[in-house]
Structures are given as C-alpha cells and as structure tokens.
Amino acid sequence: VEQASLVKMRDQRIPKLSDLTMRPQLSGKKSSGMLEAHQNGLRFTSKKGELIDVMYANIKNALFQPCEKEVSVIIHFHLKNPIMVGKKKSKDVQFLTEVIDASEALDSSRRSVYDPDELDEEQRERRLRKTLNEAFKNFCKNLERVAKHFGANLEFDIPYRDLGWHGVPHREMVFIQPTVNCLVNLTEMPFFIIEIEAIEHVHLERCTSDRKNFDM
C-alpha cells in the first residue's frame, strides 16, 4: 500500500525523542536515532541518516510500555498495512531506550546487598527509570495532541502488568499483558499483538484445581 508523503512541521515545538533504538532495525545489528512527530506522521532518523516514516492514518494500535521490572521503556506502533523496514515488510515498529544493559544487570546480581556502590547504582537506575518514563509519557501526550490538531485520531494504550501471565505465543516463553484493546508482548521479538475485538472465543485445556498452569 502506497503511503502519503510526510508533511513536516516547521516551527520549533516539534515533539521529539532522541537516543532511541528502533526494532526491527533498518540496517546492521542496531538502528539508533531520533523520533519526531509531524503533521500527518512520525519520522525516525537514524544516526546513519536513514529515514523511516509512520503515518498516523496507518497506525492501528499505539502502545506505551513504561519501564517497570523491564530493562526498556517502549513506544510501539501496530500498523494497518505493512511498511518496508530495510528490505522486509513489517506491521510492527518499535522505539525504545534501555535503562540498563542486560549483561550489566546479571553482573550486578553477584554483589553483596550491603555494597554501597550497589545501593548507589540502584538509586541511579531508579532515577533513570523515572526520568525516561516521564520523557516517553510526555512525548506520547504531545504526539496525541499534535495528531488531534491535524485531524488524526491517535490514542496510546498502556499494558496492565498486574494482570499479565507467562505464555508461548510463538516459540519462547514470554510475558503477555492485556491493554484496553489488545493482548501484547512488546519485549521479545517476534512481537505478539492480538486485538481483543478479533478474539471470537477462548478455549482452555488441562484446567484442574491442582494445576497452576493450563493451555489456552
């Protein structure tokens, strides 16, 4: 499906987020860059100068996942029609920032609980989580405002972590969370997103009182 061309906003109040990683990547092992909101869509510009545009009219579900017990804070767009990302078609585009490197998290777990450096690190990490969550949340609010101003209906959905469970939608065990409109796993690739409207019935197997797990 051919997309409309991006209409750029000319003033200085363009909502933007920098130092983001995009998934799936445009090229190489990692795509880092900046995301900007314009009149009819978003533009991601990588540090290599590569561009990807996501039109508001092509967004089916906009999702914001704060960094709670995760290593990343995430903005995710599930699209109506796939777009070309690199050389592949994709119906999902995600922008994230990692709070801590996963390997760093494993190393730090070996230290003593009473290590003062460890306590400082935890406090820094807590502050960083809060700062990033606020920055992403403000970007989402500003993006909704800009889209609405130019006649697009865009509203972000947030997963309910407390209502989540572990499951295997593809090949690996992942944490699935409900939102108002979907069931999602935005952390692991391939992403899992199914709209609640699309679910006709739910079939349960191995459901007995002495089991903690069952098939759905």
N, C-alpha and C. Protein backbone atom coordinates (compact mmCIF):
# COMPACT_ATOMS: atom_id res chain seq x y z
N VAL A 1 0.85 -1.18 0.00
CA VAL A 1 0.00 0.00 0.00
C VAL A 1 0.89 1.24 0.00
N GLU A 2 0.63 2.12 -0.94
CA GLU A 2 1.44 3.33 -1.04
C GLU A 2 1.05 4.32 0.05
N GLN A 3 2.07 4.83 0.75
CA GLN A 3 1.82 5.78 1.83
C GLN A 3 1.84 7.21 1.31
N ALA A 4 1.15 8.08 2.04
CA ALA A 4 1.23 9.52 1.74
C ALA A 4 2.62 10.02 2.13
N SER A 5 2.99 11.16 1.58
CA SER A 5 4.29 11.77 1.94
C SER A 5 4.15 12.50 3.26
N LEU A 6 5.22 12.51 4.03
CA LEU A 6 5.21 13.19 5.32
C LEU A 6 5.16 14.70 5.13
N VAL A 7 4.26 15.35 5.88
CA VAL A 7 4.19 16.82 5.88
C VAL A 7 4.86 17.29 7.17
N LYS A 8 6.02 17.95 7.04
CA LYS A 8 6.81 18.34 8.21
C LYS A 8 6.25 19.60 8.86
N MET A 9 6.37 19.63 10.19
CA MET A 9 6.03 20.85 10.93
C MET A 9 7.25 21.76 10.90
N ARG A 10 7.01 23.06 10.71
CA ARG A 10 8.13 23.99 10.53
C ARG A 10 8.55 24.73 11.80
N ASP A 11 7.67 24.75 12.80
CA ASP A 11 8.03 25.52 14.00
C ASP A 11 8.95 24.70 14.92
N GLN A 12 9.34 25.30 16.03
CA GLN A 12 10.32 24.68 16.92
C GLN A 12 9.67 23.77 17.97
N ARG A 13 8.36 23.66 17.96
CA ARG A 13 7.69 22.88 19.01
C ARG A 13 7.40 21.44 18.57
N ILE A 14 8.29 20.90 17.78
CA ILE A 14 8.10 19.53 17.28
C ILE A 14 8.38 18.55 18.43
N PRO A 15 7.39 17.71 18.82
CA PRO A 15 7.68 16.70 19.84
C PRO A 15 8.75 15.74 19.32
N LYS A 16 9.77 15.49 20.13
CA LYS A 16 10.84 14.59 19.68
C LYS A 16 11.44 13.82 20.84
N LEU A 17 11.96 12.64 20.52
CA LEU A 17 12.70 11.81 21.46
C LEU A 17 14.01 11.42 20.79
N SER A 18 15.12 11.56 21.52
CA SER A 18 16.41 11.20 20.93
C SER A 18 17.01 10.00 21.64
N ASP A 19 18.11 9.49 21.09
CA ASP A 19 18.83 8.33 21.62
C ASP A 19 17.92 7.10 21.75
N LEU A 20 17.16 6.85 20.70
CA LEU A 20 16.25 5.70 20.67
C LEU A 20 16.85 4.57 19.84
N THR A 21 16.43 3.36 20.15
CA THR A 21 16.74 2.20 19.31
C THR A 21 15.44 1.78 18.63
N MET A 22 15.53 1.49 17.33
CA MET A 22 14.34 1.06 16.58
C MET A 22 14.40 -0.44 16.34
N ARG A 23 13.26 -1.10 16.50
CA ARG A 23 13.12 -2.51 16.14
C ARG A 23 11.91 -2.68 15.24
N PRO A 24 11.96 -3.48 14.17
CA PRO A 24 13.16 -4.12 13.62
C PRO A 24 14.15 -3.07 13.11
N GLN A 25 15.42 -3.42 13.07
CA GLN A 25 16.45 -2.45 12.69
C GLN A 25 16.42 -2.18 11.19
N LEU A 26 16.83 -0.97 10.82
CA LEU A 26 16.87 -0.58 9.41
C LEU A 26 18.03 -1.24 8.69
N SER A 27 19.19 -1.32 9.36
CA SER A 27 20.36 -1.98 8.78
C SER A 27 21.33 -2.32 9.89
N GLY A 28 22.23 -3.27 9.61
CA GLY A 28 23.20 -3.66 10.63
C GLY A 28 22.54 -4.36 11.81
N LYS A 29 23.23 -4.32 12.95
CA LYS A 29 22.72 -5.01 14.14
C LYS A 29 21.81 -4.13 14.99
N LYS A 30 21.94 -2.80 14.81
CA LYS A 30 21.18 -1.88 15.66
C LYS A 30 20.90 -0.58 14.92
N SER A 31 19.69 -0.04 15.08
CA SER A 31 19.34 1.26 14.50
C SER A 31 19.06 2.24 15.62
N SER A 32 19.94 3.23 15.78
CA SER A 32 19.76 4.25 16.81
C SER A 32 19.49 5.59 16.15
N GLY A 33 18.68 6.44 16.81
CA GLY A 33 18.40 7.73 16.22
C GLY A 33 17.36 8.52 16.98
N MET A 34 16.63 9.38 16.24
CA MET A 34 15.67 10.32 16.85
C MET A 34 14.30 10.17 16.19
N LEU A 35 13.25 10.29 17.00
CA LEU A 35 11.87 10.21 16.52
C LEU A 35 11.20 11.57 16.68
N GLU A 36 10.56 12.03 15.60
CA GLU A 36 9.86 13.33 15.61
C GLU A 36 8.42 13.16 15.16
N ALA A 37 7.53 13.97 15.75
CA ALA A 37 6.12 13.97 15.36
C ALA A 37 5.87 15.16 14.43
N HIS A 38 5.25 14.91 13.28
CA HIS A 38 4.93 15.97 12.32
C HIS A 38 3.42 16.01 12.06
N GLN A 39 3.00 16.73 11.01
CA GLN A 39 1.57 16.97 10.81
C GLN A 39 0.76 15.70 10.57
N ASN A 40 1.26 14.81 9.69
CA ASN A 40 0.47 13.62 9.35
C ASN A 40 1.17 12.32 9.70
N GLY A 41 2.31 12.41 10.40
CA GLY A 41 3.01 11.18 10.74
C GLY A 41 4.28 11.42 11.53
N LEU A 42 4.97 10.32 11.81
CA LEU A 42 6.23 10.36 12.57
C LEU A 42 7.39 10.07 11.63
N ARG A 43 8.53 10.64 11.96
CA ARG A 43 9.75 10.35 11.20
C ARG A 43 10.86 9.93 12.16
N PHE A 44 11.46 8.76 11.87
CA PHE A 44 12.63 8.31 12.61
C PHE A 44 13.85 8.52 11.73
N THR A 45 14.84 9.23 12.26
CA THR A 45 16.08 9.48 11.54
C THR A 45 17.21 8.78 12.28
N SER A 46 17.84 7.81 11.63
CA SER A 46 18.93 7.07 12.29
C SER A 46 20.21 7.89 12.27
N LYS A 47 21.17 7.48 13.08
CA LYS A 47 22.46 8.17 13.14
C LYS A 47 23.23 8.03 11.82
N LYS A 48 22.83 7.03 11.02
CA LYS A 48 23.45 6.84 9.70
C LYS A 48 22.76 7.69 8.63
N GLY A 49 21.69 8.41 9.04
CA GLY A 49 20.96 9.25 8.09
C GLY A 49 19.82 8.53 7.39
N GLU A 50 19.50 7.30 7.81
CA GLU A 50 18.37 6.56 7.21
C GLU A 50 17.06 7.11 7.78
N LEU A 51 16.02 7.10 6.95
CA LEU A 51 14.72 7.63 7.36
C LEU A 51 13.64 6.56 7.27
N ILE A 52 12.72 6.60 8.24
CA ILE A 52 11.51 5.77 8.15
C ILE A 52 10.34 6.62 8.63
N ASP A 53 9.26 6.64 7.84
CA ASP A 53 8.08 7.43 8.17
C ASP A 53 6.92 6.50 8.54
N VAL A 54 6.19 6.86 9.58
CA VAL A 54 5.00 6.13 10.01
C VAL A 54 3.84 7.12 10.01
N MET A 55 2.88 6.91 9.13
CA MET A 55 1.75 7.83 9.01
C MET A 55 0.70 7.55 10.11
N TYR A 56 0.12 8.61 10.65
CA TYR A 56 -0.92 8.44 11.67
C TYR A 56 -2.09 7.60 11.13
N ALA A 57 -2.42 7.79 9.86
CA ALA A 57 -3.56 7.09 9.27
C ALA A 57 -3.32 5.59 9.17
N ASN A 58 -2.04 5.17 9.24
CA ASN A 58 -1.70 3.75 9.10
C ASN A 58 -1.51 3.07 10.46
N ILE A 59 -1.67 3.82 11.56
CA ILE A 59 -1.48 3.23 12.89
C ILE A 59 -2.80 2.63 13.39
N LYS A 60 -2.76 1.33 13.64
CA LYS A 60 -3.94 0.62 14.16
C LYS A 60 -3.97 0.69 15.69
N ASN A 61 -2.81 0.42 16.31
CA ASN A 61 -2.70 0.47 17.78
C ASN A 61 -1.40 1.17 18.16
N ALA A 62 -1.51 2.18 19.03
CA ALA A 62 -0.33 2.87 19.57
C ALA A 62 -0.19 2.44 21.02
N LEU A 63 0.98 1.95 21.40
CA LEU A 63 1.18 1.38 22.72
C LEU A 63 2.39 2.02 23.41
N PHE A 64 2.22 2.30 24.70
CA PHE A 64 3.32 2.85 25.51
C PHE A 64 3.52 1.92 26.69
N GLN A 65 4.72 1.33 26.79
CA GLN A 65 5.03 0.43 27.91
C GLN A 65 6.11 1.04 28.78
N PRO A 66 5.74 1.57 29.96
CA PRO A 66 6.74 2.15 30.86
C PRO A 66 7.72 1.08 31.32
N CYS A 67 8.83 1.53 31.87
CA CYS A 67 9.86 0.62 32.34
C CYS A 67 9.57 0.21 33.77
N GLU A 68 8.81 -0.86 33.93
CA GLU A 68 8.50 -1.42 35.25
C GLU A 68 8.93 -2.88 35.25
N LYS A 69 9.97 -3.19 36.01
CA LYS A 69 10.52 -4.56 36.06
C LYS A 69 10.97 -5.03 34.68
N GLU A 70 11.30 -4.09 33.81
CA GLU A 70 11.82 -4.40 32.47
C GLU A 70 13.11 -3.61 32.30
N VAL A 71 13.86 -3.92 31.24
CA VAL A 71 15.10 -3.17 31.00
C VAL A 71 14.88 -2.02 30.02
N SER A 72 13.66 -1.92 29.43
CA SER A 72 13.43 -0.89 28.41
C SER A 72 12.10 -0.17 28.63
N VAL A 73 12.06 1.08 28.17
CA VAL A 73 10.79 1.82 28.07
C VAL A 73 10.49 1.89 26.57
N ILE A 74 9.22 1.60 26.21
CA ILE A 74 8.89 1.29 24.81
C ILE A 74 7.71 2.09 24.30
N ILE A 75 7.83 2.58 23.05
CA ILE A 75 6.70 3.07 22.27
C ILE A 75 6.56 2.14 21.07
N HIS A 76 5.38 1.60 20.87
CA HIS A 76 5.17 0.59 19.82
C HIS A 76 3.98 0.96 18.96
N PHE A 77 4.13 0.79 17.64
CA PHE A 77 3.03 1.03 16.70
C PHE A 77 2.72 -0.25 15.94
N HIS A 78 1.48 -0.71 16.09
CA HIS A 78 0.98 -1.85 15.30
C HIS A 78 0.20 -1.25 14.13
N LEU A 79 0.60 -1.58 12.91
CA LEU A 79 0.11 -0.88 11.72
C LEU A 79 -1.03 -1.62 11.02
N LYS A 80 -1.83 -0.84 10.29
CA LYS A 80 -2.91 -1.42 9.48
C LYS A 80 -2.32 -2.14 8.27
N ASN A 81 -1.37 -1.46 7.61
CA ASN A 81 -0.71 -2.03 6.43
C ASN A 81 0.79 -2.05 6.67
N PRO A 82 1.49 -3.11 6.25
CA PRO A 82 2.93 -3.18 6.49
C PRO A 82 3.70 -2.11 5.74
N ILE A 83 4.84 -1.72 6.30
CA ILE A 83 5.74 -0.79 5.63
C ILE A 83 7.09 -1.49 5.45
N MET A 84 7.90 -0.99 4.55
CA MET A 84 9.22 -1.57 4.32
C MET A 84 10.20 -1.04 5.38
N VAL A 85 10.75 -1.95 6.16
CA VAL A 85 11.80 -1.60 7.13
C VAL A 85 13.05 -2.35 6.67
N GLY A 86 14.01 -1.60 6.15
CA GLY A 86 15.15 -2.25 5.50
C GLY A 86 14.64 -2.91 4.23
N LYS A 87 14.82 -4.23 4.15
CA LYS A 87 14.37 -4.96 2.96
C LYS A 87 13.16 -5.84 3.24
N LYS A 88 12.58 -5.70 4.45
CA LYS A 88 11.46 -6.56 4.83
C LYS A 88 10.21 -5.74 5.13
N LYS A 89 9.05 -6.35 4.89
CA LYS A 89 7.78 -5.73 5.26
C LYS A 89 7.55 -5.95 6.76
N SER A 90 7.03 -4.93 7.43
CA SER A 90 6.75 -5.07 8.86
C SER A 90 5.45 -4.36 9.22
N LYS A 91 4.64 -5.04 10.05
CA LYS A 91 3.40 -4.43 10.56
C LYS A 91 3.58 -3.88 11.97
N ASP A 92 4.80 -4.03 12.49
CA ASP A 92 5.10 -3.53 13.83
C ASP A 92 6.40 -2.74 13.81
N VAL A 93 6.35 -1.54 14.40
CA VAL A 93 7.54 -0.69 14.51
C VAL A 93 7.65 -0.24 15.96
N GLN A 94 8.84 -0.38 16.53
CA GLN A 94 9.01 -0.10 17.95
C GLN A 94 10.23 0.81 18.18
N PHE A 95 10.07 1.72 19.15
CA PHE A 95 11.15 2.62 19.54
C PHE A 95 11.35 2.51 21.05
N LEU A 96 12.60 2.29 21.46
CA LEU A 96 12.83 2.02 22.88
C LEU A 96 14.15 2.62 23.35
N THR A 97 14.26 2.73 24.66
CA THR A 97 15.53 3.08 25.32
C THR A 97 15.75 2.08 26.44
N GLU A 98 16.94 1.50 26.48
CA GLU A 98 17.28 0.55 27.54
C GLU A 98 17.76 1.31 28.77
N VAL A 99 17.20 0.94 29.92
CA VAL A 99 17.58 1.59 31.17
C VAL A 99 18.92 1.03 31.65
N ILE A 100 19.04 -0.27 31.60
CA ILE A 100 20.32 -0.89 31.95
C ILE A 100 20.63 -1.95 30.91
N ASP A 101 21.89 -2.11 30.66
CA ASP A 101 22.30 -3.17 29.75
C ASP A 101 22.02 -4.51 30.41
N ALA A 102 21.47 -5.45 29.68
CA ALA A 102 21.07 -6.74 30.26
C ALA A 102 22.26 -7.46 30.91
N SER A 103 23.44 -7.41 30.29
CA SER A 103 24.62 -8.09 30.86
C SER A 103 25.06 -7.42 32.15
N GLU A 104 24.90 -6.09 32.22
CA GLU A 104 25.26 -5.34 33.43
C GLU A 104 24.35 -5.79 34.58
N ALA A 105 23.09 -6.01 34.25
CA ALA A 105 22.12 -6.45 35.27
C ALA A 105 22.53 -7.79 35.87
N LEU A 106 23.07 -8.70 35.03
CA LEU A 106 23.49 -10.01 35.51
C LEU A 106 24.73 -9.90 36.40
N ASP A 107 25.69 -9.06 35.99
CA ASP A 107 26.92 -8.88 36.76
C ASP A 107 26.62 -8.30 38.14
N SER A 108 25.73 -7.32 38.20
CA SER A 108 25.46 -6.64 39.46
C SER A 108 24.78 -7.55 40.47
N SER A 109 24.11 -8.61 39.99
CA SER A 109 23.39 -9.51 40.90
C SER A 109 24.36 -10.33 41.76
N ARG A 110 25.65 -10.35 41.40
CA ARG A 110 26.62 -11.14 42.17
C ARG A 110 27.16 -10.39 43.39
N ARG A 111 26.87 -9.08 43.46
CA ARG A 111 27.43 -8.29 44.56
C ARG A 111 26.63 -8.48 45.86
N SER A 112 27.22 -8.00 46.93
CA SER A 112 26.55 -8.04 48.23
C SER A 112 25.40 -7.04 48.25
N VAL A 113 24.37 -7.38 48.99
CA VAL A 113 23.20 -6.49 49.12
C VAL A 113 23.61 -5.19 49.82
N TYR A 114 24.63 -5.28 50.70
CA TYR A 114 25.02 -4.11 51.51
C TYR A 114 26.16 -3.30 50.87
N ASP A 115 26.55 -3.66 49.66
CA ASP A 115 27.60 -2.93 48.95
C ASP A 115 27.11 -1.50 48.66
N PRO A 116 27.81 -0.45 49.18
CA PRO A 116 27.35 0.93 48.96
C PRO A 116 27.30 1.32 47.47
N ASP A 117 28.25 0.77 46.68
CA ASP A 117 28.23 1.03 45.23
C ASP A 117 26.96 0.47 44.60
N GLU A 118 26.57 -0.69 45.10
CA GLU A 118 25.36 -1.34 44.59
C GLU A 118 24.13 -0.49 44.91
N LEU A 119 24.08 0.08 46.11
CA LEU A 119 22.94 0.92 46.52
C LEU A 119 22.89 2.19 45.68
N ASP A 120 24.06 2.80 45.44
CA ASP A 120 24.13 4.00 44.59
C ASP A 120 23.63 3.69 43.19
N GLU A 121 24.06 2.51 42.69
CA GLU A 121 23.67 2.11 41.33
C GLU A 121 22.15 1.92 41.24
N GLU A 122 21.58 1.30 42.28
CA GLU A 122 20.12 1.10 42.31
C GLU A 122 19.38 2.43 42.31
N GLN A 123 19.89 3.38 43.10
CA GLN A 123 19.24 4.70 43.15
C GLN A 123 19.35 5.42 41.81
N ARG A 124 20.52 5.31 41.18
CA ARG A 124 20.70 5.93 39.85
C ARG A 124 19.75 5.31 38.84
N GLU A 125 19.65 3.98 38.93
CA GLU A 125 18.77 3.27 37.99
C GLU A 125 17.31 3.67 38.21
N ARG A 126 16.92 3.82 39.48
CA ARG A 126 15.54 4.22 39.80
C ARG A 126 15.24 5.61 39.26
N ARG A 127 16.21 6.52 39.43
CA ARG A 127 16.04 7.88 38.92
C ARG A 127 15.96 7.89 37.39
N LEU A 128 16.81 7.06 36.77
CA LEU A 128 16.83 6.99 35.30
C LEU A 128 15.51 6.43 34.77
N ARG A 129 14.98 5.38 35.43
CA ARG A 129 13.69 4.82 35.04
C ARG A 129 12.60 5.90 35.09
N LYS A 130 12.59 6.64 36.21
CA LYS A 130 11.57 7.68 36.39
C LYS A 130 11.70 8.76 35.32
N THR A 131 12.94 9.20 35.04
CA THR A 131 13.19 10.24 34.04
C THR A 131 12.75 9.78 32.65
N LEU A 132 13.13 8.55 32.29
CA LEU A 132 12.77 8.03 30.96
C LEU A 132 11.27 7.81 30.83
N ASN A 133 10.65 7.27 31.87
CA ASN A 133 9.19 7.07 31.82
C ASN A 133 8.46 8.40 31.61
N GLU A 134 8.92 9.45 32.32
CA GLU A 134 8.31 10.78 32.18
C GLU A 134 8.51 11.33 30.78
N ALA A 135 9.75 11.19 30.25
CA ALA A 135 10.06 11.71 28.91
C ALA A 135 9.21 11.03 27.85
N PHE A 136 9.08 9.72 27.92
CA PHE A 136 8.28 8.97 26.95
C PHE A 136 6.79 9.29 27.10
N LYS A 137 6.34 9.40 28.35
CA LYS A 137 4.93 9.72 28.62
C LYS A 137 4.58 11.10 28.05
N ASN A 138 5.46 12.07 28.27
CA ASN A 138 5.23 13.43 27.74
C ASN A 138 5.22 13.43 26.22
N PHE A 139 6.12 12.65 25.62
CA PHE A 139 6.15 12.55 24.15
C PHE A 139 4.83 11.98 23.64
N CYS A 140 4.32 10.95 24.30
CA CYS A 140 3.05 10.33 23.88
C CYS A 140 1.90 11.34 23.97
N LYS A 141 1.86 12.11 25.06
CA LYS A 141 0.81 13.13 25.23
C LYS A 141 0.91 14.19 24.14
N ASN A 142 2.14 14.67 23.88
CA ASN A 142 2.34 15.68 22.85
C ASN A 142 2.02 15.15 21.46
N LEU A 143 2.35 13.88 21.23
CA LEU A 143 2.04 13.25 19.94
C LEU A 143 0.53 13.16 19.73
N GLU A 144 -0.19 12.76 20.77
CA GLU A 144 -1.66 12.70 20.69
C GLU A 144 -2.23 14.09 20.38
N ARG A 145 -1.66 15.11 21.05
CA ARG A 145 -2.13 16.49 20.85
C ARG A 145 -1.89 16.95 19.41
N VAL A 146 -0.69 16.69 18.89
CA VAL A 146 -0.36 17.10 17.51
C VAL A 146 -1.25 16.37 16.51
N ALA A 147 -1.40 15.05 16.69
CA ALA A 147 -2.23 14.26 15.77
C ALA A 147 -3.68 14.77 15.77
N LYS A 148 -4.20 15.03 16.97
CA LYS A 148 -5.58 15.53 17.08
C LYS A 148 -5.73 16.90 16.41
N HIS A 149 -4.72 17.76 16.60
CA HIS A 149 -4.74 19.10 16.00
C HIS A 149 -4.85 19.03 14.48
N PHE A 150 -4.21 18.00 13.90
CA PHE A 150 -4.23 17.86 12.43
C PHE A 150 -5.25 16.83 11.95
N GLY A 151 -6.22 16.51 12.82
CA GLY A 151 -7.36 15.70 12.39
C GLY A 151 -7.20 14.20 12.47
N ALA A 152 -6.15 13.71 13.14
CA ALA A 152 -5.95 12.25 13.26
C ALA A 152 -6.36 11.79 14.65
N ASN A 153 -6.93 10.59 14.71
CA ASN A 153 -7.38 10.03 15.99
C ASN A 153 -6.32 9.04 16.48
N LEU A 154 -5.50 9.47 17.42
CA LEU A 154 -4.41 8.64 17.93
C LEU A 154 -4.44 8.64 19.44
N GLU A 155 -4.53 7.45 20.03
CA GLU A 155 -4.58 7.36 21.50
C GLU A 155 -3.72 6.19 21.95
N PHE A 156 -2.86 6.43 22.93
CA PHE A 156 -1.95 5.39 23.40
C PHE A 156 -2.61 4.48 24.43
N ASP A 157 -2.32 3.20 24.32
CA ASP A 157 -2.80 2.16 25.20
C ASP A 157 -1.62 1.71 26.06
N ILE A 158 -1.83 1.45 27.36
CA ILE A 158 -0.74 1.04 28.25
C ILE A 158 -1.04 -0.36 28.81
N PRO A 159 -0.07 -1.29 28.74
CA PRO A 159 -0.31 -2.65 29.27
C PRO A 159 -0.52 -2.63 30.79
N TYR A 160 -1.41 -3.54 31.24
CA TYR A 160 -1.64 -3.72 32.69
C TYR A 160 -0.74 -4.86 33.17
N ARG A 161 0.40 -4.50 33.73
CA ARG A 161 1.38 -5.53 34.13
C ARG A 161 0.83 -6.47 35.20
N ASP A 162 0.04 -5.94 36.14
CA ASP A 162 -0.50 -6.75 37.24
C ASP A 162 -1.42 -7.87 36.75
N LEU A 163 -1.96 -7.72 35.55
CA LEU A 163 -2.88 -8.73 35.01
C LEU A 163 -2.21 -9.65 33.99
N GLY A 164 -0.87 -9.55 33.89
CA GLY A 164 -0.15 -10.34 32.88
C GLY A 164 0.10 -11.77 33.32
N TRP A 165 0.51 -12.60 32.37
CA TRP A 165 0.86 -14.00 32.64
C TRP A 165 1.90 -14.47 31.62
N HIS A 166 2.55 -15.57 31.92
CA HIS A 166 3.55 -16.12 31.01
C HIS A 166 2.90 -17.11 30.04
N GLY A 167 3.30 -17.02 28.78
CA GLY A 167 2.75 -17.90 27.77
C GLY A 167 3.70 -18.03 26.59
N VAL A 168 3.33 -18.91 25.64
CA VAL A 168 4.18 -19.19 24.48
C VAL A 168 3.38 -18.91 23.19
N PRO A 169 3.25 -17.64 22.80
CA PRO A 169 2.51 -17.36 21.57
C PRO A 169 3.27 -17.76 20.31
N HIS A 170 4.62 -17.78 20.40
CA HIS A 170 5.43 -18.20 19.25
C HIS A 170 6.24 -19.44 19.65
N ARG A 171 7.53 -19.27 19.90
CA ARG A 171 8.34 -20.43 20.27
C ARG A 171 8.90 -20.35 21.69
N GLU A 172 8.98 -19.13 22.22
CA GLU A 172 9.59 -18.97 23.53
C GLU A 172 8.58 -18.46 24.56
N MET A 173 8.86 -18.79 25.82
CA MET A 173 8.03 -18.29 26.92
C MET A 173 8.22 -16.79 27.07
N VAL A 174 7.14 -16.02 27.03
CA VAL A 174 7.20 -14.57 27.18
C VAL A 174 6.11 -14.11 28.14
N PHE A 175 6.20 -12.86 28.55
CA PHE A 175 5.21 -12.29 29.47
C PHE A 175 4.17 -11.52 28.65
N ILE A 176 2.93 -12.00 28.69
CA ILE A 176 1.83 -11.40 27.91
C ILE A 176 1.01 -10.51 28.83
N GLN A 177 0.70 -9.30 28.33
CA GLN A 177 -0.05 -8.34 29.16
C GLN A 177 -1.28 -7.84 28.40
N PRO A 178 -2.40 -7.69 29.10
CA PRO A 178 -3.57 -7.08 28.45
C PRO A 178 -3.48 -5.56 28.48
N THR A 179 -4.03 -4.93 27.44
CA THR A 179 -4.26 -3.49 27.45
C THR A 179 -5.77 -3.31 27.30
N VAL A 180 -6.25 -2.10 27.13
CA VAL A 180 -7.68 -1.88 26.94
C VAL A 180 -8.17 -2.60 25.68
N ASN A 181 -7.33 -2.59 24.62
CA ASN A 181 -7.78 -3.11 23.32
C ASN A 181 -7.07 -4.36 22.84
N CYS A 182 -5.98 -4.78 23.49
CA CYS A 182 -5.16 -5.87 22.94
C CYS A 182 -4.61 -6.79 24.03
N LEU A 183 -4.03 -7.92 23.57
CA LEU A 183 -3.12 -8.72 24.37
C LEU A 183 -1.76 -8.57 23.71
N VAL A 184 -0.72 -8.27 24.48
CA VAL A 184 0.56 -7.94 23.85
C VAL A 184 1.76 -8.53 24.57
N ASN A 185 2.81 -8.79 23.81
CA ASN A 185 4.16 -8.91 24.32
C ASN A 185 5.04 -8.03 23.44
N LEU A 186 5.54 -6.94 24.00
CA LEU A 186 6.31 -5.95 23.25
C LEU A 186 7.81 -6.06 23.53
N THR A 187 8.19 -6.95 24.45
CA THR A 187 9.58 -7.00 24.90
C THR A 187 10.43 -7.90 24.01
N GLU A 188 9.90 -9.07 23.68
CA GLU A 188 10.66 -10.05 22.89
C GLU A 188 10.21 -10.03 21.43
N MET A 189 11.16 -10.32 20.54
CA MET A 189 10.82 -10.47 19.12
C MET A 189 10.74 -11.95 18.79
N PRO A 190 9.80 -12.40 17.91
CA PRO A 190 8.80 -11.58 17.24
C PRO A 190 7.74 -11.07 18.23
N PHE A 191 7.27 -9.84 17.99
CA PHE A 191 6.26 -9.24 18.87
C PHE A 191 4.95 -10.03 18.77
N PHE A 192 4.17 -9.98 19.86
CA PHE A 192 2.85 -10.62 19.87
C PHE A 192 1.81 -9.55 20.18
N ILE A 193 0.92 -9.32 19.23
CA ILE A 193 -0.17 -8.35 19.43
C ILE A 193 -1.43 -8.91 18.80
N ILE A 194 -2.45 -9.09 19.62
CA ILE A 194 -3.74 -9.53 19.08
C ILE A 194 -4.82 -8.62 19.66
N GLU A 195 -5.66 -8.10 18.79
CA GLU A 195 -6.74 -7.22 19.25
C GLU A 195 -7.83 -8.04 19.91
N ILE A 196 -8.34 -7.53 21.02
CA ILE A 196 -9.40 -8.24 21.75
C ILE A 196 -10.65 -8.38 20.88
N GLU A 197 -10.90 -7.38 20.02
CA GLU A 197 -12.03 -7.45 19.08
C GLU A 197 -11.94 -8.66 18.15
N ALA A 198 -10.71 -9.11 17.86
CA ALA A 198 -10.51 -10.21 16.91
C ALA A 198 -10.72 -11.58 17.57
N ILE A 199 -10.81 -11.62 18.90
CA ILE A 199 -10.97 -12.90 19.61
C ILE A 199 -12.45 -13.28 19.62
N GLU A 200 -12.76 -14.42 19.01
CA GLU A 200 -14.16 -14.88 18.97
C GLU A 200 -14.49 -15.77 20.16
N HIS A 201 -13.57 -16.67 20.50
CA HIS A 201 -13.78 -17.47 21.71
C HIS A 201 -12.42 -17.89 22.26
N VAL A 202 -12.40 -18.28 23.54
CA VAL A 202 -11.18 -18.74 24.20
C VAL A 202 -11.41 -20.17 24.66
N HIS A 203 -10.49 -21.06 24.28
CA HIS A 203 -10.62 -22.48 24.61
C HIS A 203 -9.55 -22.85 25.63
N LEU A 204 -9.94 -23.42 26.76
CA LEU A 204 -9.00 -23.77 27.84
C LEU A 204 -8.86 -25.28 27.95
N GLU A 205 -7.62 -25.76 28.12
CA GLU A 205 -7.36 -27.19 28.29
C GLU A 205 -6.52 -27.42 29.54
N ARG A 206 -6.58 -28.62 30.10
CA ARG A 206 -5.82 -29.03 31.30
C ARG A 206 -6.12 -28.11 32.48
N CYS A 207 -7.36 -27.68 32.59
CA CYS A 207 -7.76 -26.76 33.68
C CYS A 207 -8.28 -27.59 34.85
N THR A 208 -7.43 -27.81 35.86
CA THR A 208 -7.88 -28.55 37.04
C THR A 208 -7.45 -27.79 38.29
N SER A 209 -8.08 -28.11 39.41
CA SER A 209 -7.84 -27.35 40.64
C SER A 209 -6.44 -27.57 41.20
N ASP A 210 -5.77 -28.69 40.83
CA ASP A 210 -4.44 -28.96 41.39
C ASP A 210 -3.29 -28.47 40.49
N ARG A 211 -3.63 -27.79 39.40
CA ARG A 211 -2.58 -27.28 38.49
C ARG A 211 -2.51 -25.77 38.52
N LYS A 212 -1.29 -25.24 38.42
CA LYS A 212 -1.11 -23.79 38.32
C LYS A 212 -1.15 -23.35 36.86
N ASN A 213 -0.78 -24.22 35.94
CA ASN A 213 -0.71 -23.87 34.52
C ASN A 213 -1.76 -24.61 33.71
N PHE A 214 -2.17 -23.99 32.62
CA PHE A 214 -3.09 -24.65 31.69
C PHE A 214 -2.88 -24.08 30.30
N ASP A 215 -3.46 -24.71 29.30
CA ASP A 215 -3.33 -24.25 27.92
C ASP A 215 -4.54 -23.42 27.53
N MET A 216 -4.28 -22.39 26.74
CA MET A 216 -5.36 -21.51 26.30
C MET A 216 -5.29 -21.37 24.78
